[in-house]
Amino acid sequence: MKGTIYYLSSCDTCKRILKELAPPEDITLVDIKLDPLTEKQLDHLRWLAGSYEVLFSKRALLYKERKLKEKTLTEENFRSLLLEHYTFLKRPVMVLGNDIFIGNTKNVVAAAKESLHS
């Protein structure tokens, strides 16, 4: 299975999840701080996920600082923000074959792990 895991190397949660997943060598690891998402990559993630909003982290510091919660954001707003700064991406994002797993909840990580090692 080919796949890609988008993560942040400075994020302890991402590190813990990567260790737990133990991805095989055919999985590409992309540190989004060092290698920011391109428009093409983001659009592909959106195609798999169904929306940009699903990929967007409302826990990001910038989300709070900019008071974005008080605004009505469109899909285009979410796309622009995701391209603007890596912290807006809900992490990690794991693309395994044609499946996408977004975030760090126990259920998401367990499903990704099962997909990786089945």
N, C-alpha and C. Protein backbone atom coordinates (compact mmCIF):
# COMPACT_ATOMS: atom_id res chain seq x y z
N MET A 1 0.85 -1.18 0.00
CA MET A 1 0.00 0.00 0.00
C MET A 1 0.90 1.24 0.00
N LYS A 2 0.58 2.14 -0.89
CA LYS A 2 1.29 3.41 -0.87
C LYS A 2 0.44 4.40 -0.09
N GLY A 3 1.11 5.36 0.50
CA GLY A 3 0.38 6.35 1.26
C GLY A 3 1.28 7.48 1.70
N THR A 4 0.64 8.48 2.28
CA THR A 4 1.34 9.65 2.78
C THR A 4 0.76 10.04 4.12
N ILE A 5 1.63 10.41 5.04
CA ILE A 5 1.19 10.92 6.33
C ILE A 5 1.72 12.35 6.46
N TYR A 6 0.79 13.28 6.59
CA TYR A 6 1.14 14.68 6.79
C TYR A 6 1.11 14.93 8.30
N TYR A 7 2.23 15.43 8.82
CA TYR A 7 2.33 15.60 10.27
C TYR A 7 3.21 16.80 10.57
N LEU A 8 3.38 17.09 11.84
CA LEU A 8 4.23 18.19 12.27
C LEU A 8 5.27 17.60 13.22
N SER A 9 6.55 17.73 12.86
CA SER A 9 7.62 17.08 13.64
C SER A 9 7.76 17.67 15.04
N SER A 10 7.29 18.90 15.24
CA SER A 10 7.40 19.52 16.57
C SER A 10 6.18 19.21 17.45
N CYS A 11 5.25 18.42 16.94
CA CYS A 11 4.02 18.10 17.67
C CYS A 11 4.19 16.75 18.38
N ASP A 12 4.11 16.78 19.71
CA ASP A 12 4.27 15.55 20.49
C ASP A 12 3.19 14.52 20.17
N THR A 13 1.98 14.99 19.92
CA THR A 13 0.89 14.07 19.58
C THR A 13 1.20 13.37 18.26
N CYS A 14 1.68 14.12 17.27
CA CYS A 14 2.03 13.51 15.98
C CYS A 14 3.15 12.47 16.16
N LYS A 15 4.15 12.81 16.97
CA LYS A 15 5.26 11.88 17.21
C LYS A 15 4.75 10.59 17.84
N ARG A 16 3.88 10.74 18.84
CA ARG A 16 3.33 9.57 19.53
C ARG A 16 2.54 8.69 18.55
N ILE A 17 1.72 9.34 17.71
CA ILE A 17 0.90 8.59 16.75
C ILE A 17 1.77 7.89 15.72
N LEU A 18 2.80 8.57 15.21
CA LEU A 18 3.70 7.94 14.24
C LEU A 18 4.38 6.71 14.85
N LYS A 19 4.79 6.84 16.10
CA LYS A 19 5.43 5.71 16.78
C LYS A 19 4.44 4.55 16.90
N GLU A 20 3.20 4.88 17.26
CA GLU A 20 2.16 3.85 17.41
C GLU A 20 1.81 3.20 16.07
N LEU A 21 1.75 4.00 15.02
CA LEU A 21 1.40 3.47 13.70
C LEU A 21 2.51 2.62 13.10
N ALA A 22 3.75 2.96 13.42
CA ALA A 22 4.91 2.27 12.84
C ALA A 22 4.73 2.07 11.33
N PRO A 23 4.63 3.20 10.58
CA PRO A 23 4.36 3.07 9.14
C PRO A 23 5.48 2.36 8.39
N PRO A 24 5.12 1.47 7.46
CA PRO A 24 6.13 0.78 6.65
C PRO A 24 6.86 1.77 5.73
N GLU A 25 7.92 1.30 5.11
CA GLU A 25 8.78 2.17 4.30
C GLU A 25 8.10 2.75 3.07
N ASP A 26 7.02 2.12 2.59
CA ASP A 26 6.37 2.66 1.39
C ASP A 26 5.43 3.82 1.70
N ILE A 27 5.37 4.22 2.96
CA ILE A 27 4.56 5.37 3.36
C ILE A 27 5.47 6.60 3.41
N THR A 28 5.08 7.65 2.72
CA THR A 28 5.84 8.89 2.70
C THR A 28 5.42 9.77 3.87
N LEU A 29 6.39 10.24 4.63
CA LEU A 29 6.12 11.14 5.74
C LEU A 29 6.43 12.56 5.30
N VAL A 30 5.46 13.46 5.46
CA VAL A 30 5.63 14.85 5.07
C VAL A 30 5.47 15.75 6.29
N ASP A 31 6.57 16.39 6.68
CA ASP A 31 6.53 17.36 7.77
C ASP A 31 6.03 18.68 7.18
N ILE A 32 4.80 19.05 7.53
CA ILE A 32 4.16 20.20 6.87
C ILE A 32 4.80 21.54 7.22
N LYS A 33 5.63 21.56 8.25
CA LYS A 33 6.33 22.81 8.57
C LYS A 33 7.51 23.00 7.60
N LEU A 34 8.20 21.91 7.31
CA LEU A 34 9.35 21.96 6.40
C LEU A 34 8.93 21.89 4.94
N ASP A 35 7.82 21.24 4.69
CA ASP A 35 7.35 21.00 3.33
C ASP A 35 5.85 21.33 3.26
N PRO A 36 5.51 22.65 3.23
CA PRO A 36 4.09 23.04 3.28
C PRO A 36 3.26 22.43 2.15
N LEU A 37 1.98 22.25 2.43
CA LEU A 37 1.08 21.70 1.43
C LEU A 37 1.02 22.58 0.19
N THR A 38 1.03 21.93 -0.96
CA THR A 38 0.83 22.65 -2.22
C THR A 38 -0.67 22.71 -2.49
N GLU A 39 -1.07 23.57 -3.41
CA GLU A 39 -2.49 23.63 -3.77
C GLU A 39 -2.97 22.28 -4.27
N LYS A 40 -2.15 21.62 -5.07
CA LYS A 40 -2.52 20.31 -5.63
C LYS A 40 -2.71 19.28 -4.52
N GLN A 41 -1.77 19.24 -3.55
CA GLN A 41 -1.90 18.30 -2.44
C GLN A 41 -3.16 18.59 -1.63
N LEU A 42 -3.38 19.87 -1.32
CA LEU A 42 -4.55 20.24 -0.51
C LEU A 42 -5.85 19.89 -1.24
N ASP A 43 -5.90 20.15 -2.53
CA ASP A 43 -7.11 19.85 -3.30
C ASP A 43 -7.36 18.34 -3.35
N HIS A 44 -6.29 17.56 -3.39
CA HIS A 44 -6.44 16.10 -3.38
C HIS A 44 -6.98 15.64 -2.01
N LEU A 45 -6.45 16.24 -0.93
CA LEU A 45 -6.94 15.90 0.41
C LEU A 45 -8.42 16.24 0.54
N ARG A 46 -8.81 17.40 -0.01
CA ARG A 46 -10.20 17.83 0.02
C ARG A 46 -11.09 16.85 -0.75
N TRP A 47 -10.59 16.41 -1.89
CA TRP A 47 -11.34 15.45 -2.72
C TRP A 47 -11.58 14.17 -1.92
N LEU A 48 -10.56 13.69 -1.20
CA LEU A 48 -10.71 12.48 -0.39
C LEU A 48 -11.61 12.72 0.83
N ALA A 49 -11.46 13.91 1.46
CA ALA A 49 -12.17 14.19 2.71
C ALA A 49 -13.59 14.71 2.50
N GLY A 50 -13.84 15.34 1.35
CA GLY A 50 -15.17 15.85 1.07
C GLY A 50 -15.32 17.35 1.29
N SER A 51 -14.42 17.94 2.09
CA SER A 51 -14.47 19.39 2.29
C SER A 51 -13.15 19.87 2.88
N TYR A 52 -12.90 21.16 2.75
CA TYR A 52 -11.72 21.75 3.38
C TYR A 52 -11.95 21.89 4.88
N GLU A 53 -13.19 22.14 5.26
CA GLU A 53 -13.50 22.34 6.68
C GLU A 53 -13.13 21.13 7.52
N VAL A 54 -13.32 19.94 6.98
CA VAL A 54 -12.99 18.71 7.69
C VAL A 54 -11.49 18.64 8.00
N LEU A 55 -10.68 19.24 7.12
CA LEU A 55 -9.23 19.23 7.28
C LEU A 55 -8.72 20.34 8.20
N PHE A 56 -9.61 21.24 8.56
CA PHE A 56 -9.24 22.46 9.26
C PHE A 56 -9.27 22.27 10.78
N SER A 57 -8.21 22.71 11.44
CA SER A 57 -8.14 22.61 12.90
C SER A 57 -8.65 23.89 13.55
N LYS A 58 -9.76 23.76 14.24
CA LYS A 58 -10.32 24.91 14.96
C LYS A 58 -9.66 25.05 16.33
N ARG A 59 -8.67 24.21 16.61
CA ARG A 59 -7.91 24.32 17.85
C ARG A 59 -6.60 25.07 17.63
N ALA A 60 -6.32 25.46 16.41
CA ALA A 60 -5.08 26.19 16.10
C ALA A 60 -5.06 27.53 16.84
N LEU A 61 -3.89 27.90 17.32
CA LEU A 61 -3.73 29.16 18.03
C LEU A 61 -4.16 30.35 17.17
N LEU A 62 -3.78 30.32 15.90
CA LEU A 62 -4.14 31.42 15.00
C LEU A 62 -5.65 31.54 14.83
N TYR A 63 -6.36 30.43 14.92
CA TYR A 63 -7.82 30.45 14.81
C TYR A 63 -8.40 31.29 15.94
N LYS A 64 -7.86 31.08 17.14
CA LYS A 64 -8.32 31.84 18.30
C LYS A 64 -7.85 33.30 18.23
N GLU A 65 -6.56 33.50 17.90
CA GLU A 65 -5.99 34.84 17.85
C GLU A 65 -6.72 35.75 16.86
N ARG A 66 -7.09 35.19 15.74
CA ARG A 66 -7.76 35.97 14.69
C ARG A 66 -9.27 36.05 14.89
N LYS A 67 -9.75 35.41 15.96
CA LYS A 67 -11.19 35.39 16.27
C LYS A 67 -12.02 34.86 15.08
N LEU A 68 -11.50 33.83 14.44
CA LEU A 68 -12.18 33.25 13.28
C LEU A 68 -13.48 32.56 13.66
N LYS A 69 -13.61 32.18 14.93
CA LYS A 69 -14.83 31.54 15.39
C LYS A 69 -16.03 32.48 15.22
N GLU A 70 -15.76 33.78 15.31
CA GLU A 70 -16.82 34.78 15.20
C GLU A 70 -17.21 35.09 13.76
N LYS A 71 -16.48 34.50 12.82
CA LYS A 71 -16.75 34.76 11.41
C LYS A 71 -17.39 33.53 10.77
N THR A 72 -18.12 33.77 9.70
CA THR A 72 -18.67 32.66 8.93
C THR A 72 -17.69 32.36 7.81
N LEU A 73 -17.03 31.21 7.92
CA LEU A 73 -16.02 30.85 6.94
C LEU A 73 -16.61 29.96 5.85
N THR A 74 -16.24 30.24 4.62
CA THR A 74 -16.68 29.44 3.47
C THR A 74 -15.61 28.39 3.18
N GLU A 75 -15.91 27.48 2.29
CA GLU A 75 -14.93 26.49 1.87
C GLU A 75 -13.69 27.19 1.29
N GLU A 76 -13.90 28.26 0.54
CA GLU A 76 -12.78 29.00 -0.04
C GLU A 76 -11.93 29.63 1.06
N ASN A 77 -12.57 30.14 2.13
CA ASN A 77 -11.82 30.68 3.28
C ASN A 77 -10.97 29.58 3.93
N PHE A 78 -11.57 28.41 4.14
CA PHE A 78 -10.83 27.31 4.74
C PHE A 78 -9.63 26.93 3.87
N ARG A 79 -9.85 26.87 2.55
CA ARG A 79 -8.76 26.52 1.62
C ARG A 79 -7.63 27.54 1.72
N SER A 80 -7.97 28.82 1.69
CA SER A 80 -6.95 29.88 1.75
C SER A 80 -6.16 29.81 3.06
N LEU A 81 -6.87 29.62 4.16
CA LEU A 81 -6.21 29.54 5.46
C LEU A 81 -5.29 28.32 5.55
N LEU A 82 -5.75 27.19 5.03
CA LEU A 82 -4.94 25.97 5.04
C LEU A 82 -3.65 26.16 4.24
N LEU A 83 -3.75 26.88 3.13
CA LEU A 83 -2.57 27.13 2.30
C LEU A 83 -1.67 28.20 2.94
N GLU A 84 -2.27 29.08 3.70
CA GLU A 84 -1.52 30.19 4.30
C GLU A 84 -0.60 29.73 5.43
N HIS A 85 -1.11 28.85 6.31
CA HIS A 85 -0.30 28.47 7.47
C HIS A 85 -0.54 27.01 7.86
N TYR A 86 0.55 26.29 8.05
CA TYR A 86 0.47 24.85 8.33
C TYR A 86 -0.30 24.50 9.61
N THR A 87 -0.34 25.42 10.58
CA THR A 87 -1.01 25.07 11.84
C THR A 87 -2.52 24.91 11.69
N PHE A 88 -3.08 25.37 10.58
CA PHE A 88 -4.52 25.23 10.37
C PHE A 88 -4.91 23.81 9.95
N LEU A 89 -3.93 22.98 9.58
CA LEU A 89 -4.26 21.60 9.18
C LEU A 89 -4.45 20.74 10.43
N LYS A 90 -5.58 20.06 10.48
CA LYS A 90 -5.84 19.10 11.57
C LYS A 90 -4.83 17.97 11.37
N ARG A 91 -4.12 17.61 12.43
CA ARG A 91 -3.03 16.66 12.27
C ARG A 91 -3.20 15.44 13.17
N PRO A 92 -2.58 14.34 12.70
CA PRO A 92 -2.02 14.14 11.37
C PRO A 92 -3.11 13.83 10.35
N VAL A 93 -2.74 13.94 9.08
CA VAL A 93 -3.63 13.51 8.01
C VAL A 93 -2.92 12.33 7.35
N MET A 94 -3.62 11.19 7.34
CA MET A 94 -3.03 9.97 6.79
C MET A 94 -3.82 9.52 5.57
N VAL A 95 -3.13 9.50 4.44
CA VAL A 95 -3.74 9.03 3.20
C VAL A 95 -3.16 7.66 2.93
N LEU A 96 -4.01 6.65 3.04
CA LEU A 96 -3.56 5.27 2.88
C LEU A 96 -4.39 4.64 1.77
N GLY A 97 -3.77 4.45 0.63
CA GLY A 97 -4.51 4.00 -0.54
C GLY A 97 -5.52 5.08 -0.90
N ASN A 98 -6.80 4.71 -0.98
CA ASN A 98 -7.85 5.69 -1.28
C ASN A 98 -8.59 6.15 -0.03
N ASP A 99 -8.06 5.80 1.13
CA ASP A 99 -8.70 6.19 2.39
C ASP A 99 -7.96 7.35 3.03
N ILE A 100 -8.71 8.20 3.71
CA ILE A 100 -8.09 9.31 4.43
C ILE A 100 -8.53 9.26 5.89
N PHE A 101 -7.56 9.49 6.77
CA PHE A 101 -7.80 9.51 8.20
C PHE A 101 -7.30 10.86 8.72
N ILE A 102 -8.18 11.61 9.37
CA ILE A 102 -7.86 12.98 9.75
C ILE A 102 -7.95 13.15 11.25
N GLY A 103 -6.86 13.63 11.84
CA GLY A 103 -6.89 13.96 13.26
C GLY A 103 -6.29 12.90 14.15
N ASN A 104 -6.44 13.11 15.45
CA ASN A 104 -5.74 12.27 16.41
C ASN A 104 -6.64 11.60 17.44
N THR A 105 -7.94 11.47 17.13
CA THR A 105 -8.81 10.76 18.06
C THR A 105 -8.43 9.27 18.07
N LYS A 106 -8.73 8.61 19.16
CA LYS A 106 -8.39 7.19 19.29
C LYS A 106 -8.98 6.36 18.15
N ASN A 107 -10.25 6.65 17.79
CA ASN A 107 -10.92 5.88 16.73
C ASN A 107 -10.23 6.07 15.39
N VAL A 108 -9.85 7.31 15.08
CA VAL A 108 -9.18 7.60 13.80
C VAL A 108 -7.82 6.90 13.74
N VAL A 109 -7.05 7.01 14.82
CA VAL A 109 -5.72 6.38 14.86
C VAL A 109 -5.85 4.86 14.77
N ALA A 110 -6.80 4.28 15.47
CA ALA A 110 -7.01 2.82 15.43
C ALA A 110 -7.39 2.37 14.02
N ALA A 111 -8.27 3.13 13.36
CA ALA A 111 -8.68 2.78 11.99
C ALA A 111 -7.49 2.88 11.02
N ALA A 112 -6.69 3.93 11.19
CA ALA A 112 -5.52 4.11 10.33
C ALA A 112 -4.52 2.97 10.54
N LYS A 113 -4.32 2.60 11.79
CA LYS A 113 -3.38 1.52 12.13
C LYS A 113 -3.86 0.21 11.51
N GLU A 114 -5.15 -0.06 11.63
CA GLU A 114 -5.70 -1.29 11.03
C GLU A 114 -5.53 -1.28 9.51
N SER A 115 -5.78 -0.13 8.89
CA SER A 115 -5.62 0.01 7.44
C SER A 115 -4.17 -0.20 7.02
N LEU A 116 -3.26 0.34 7.81
CA LEU A 116 -1.83 0.23 7.50
C LEU A 116 -1.32 -1.20 7.60
N HIS A 117 -1.81 -1.93 8.56
CA HIS A 117 -1.22 -3.24 8.87
C HIS A 117 -2.16 -4.42 8.55
N SER A 118 -3.14 -4.18 7.66
CA SER A 118 -4.04 -5.30 7.31
C SER A 118 -3.64 -5.92 6.00
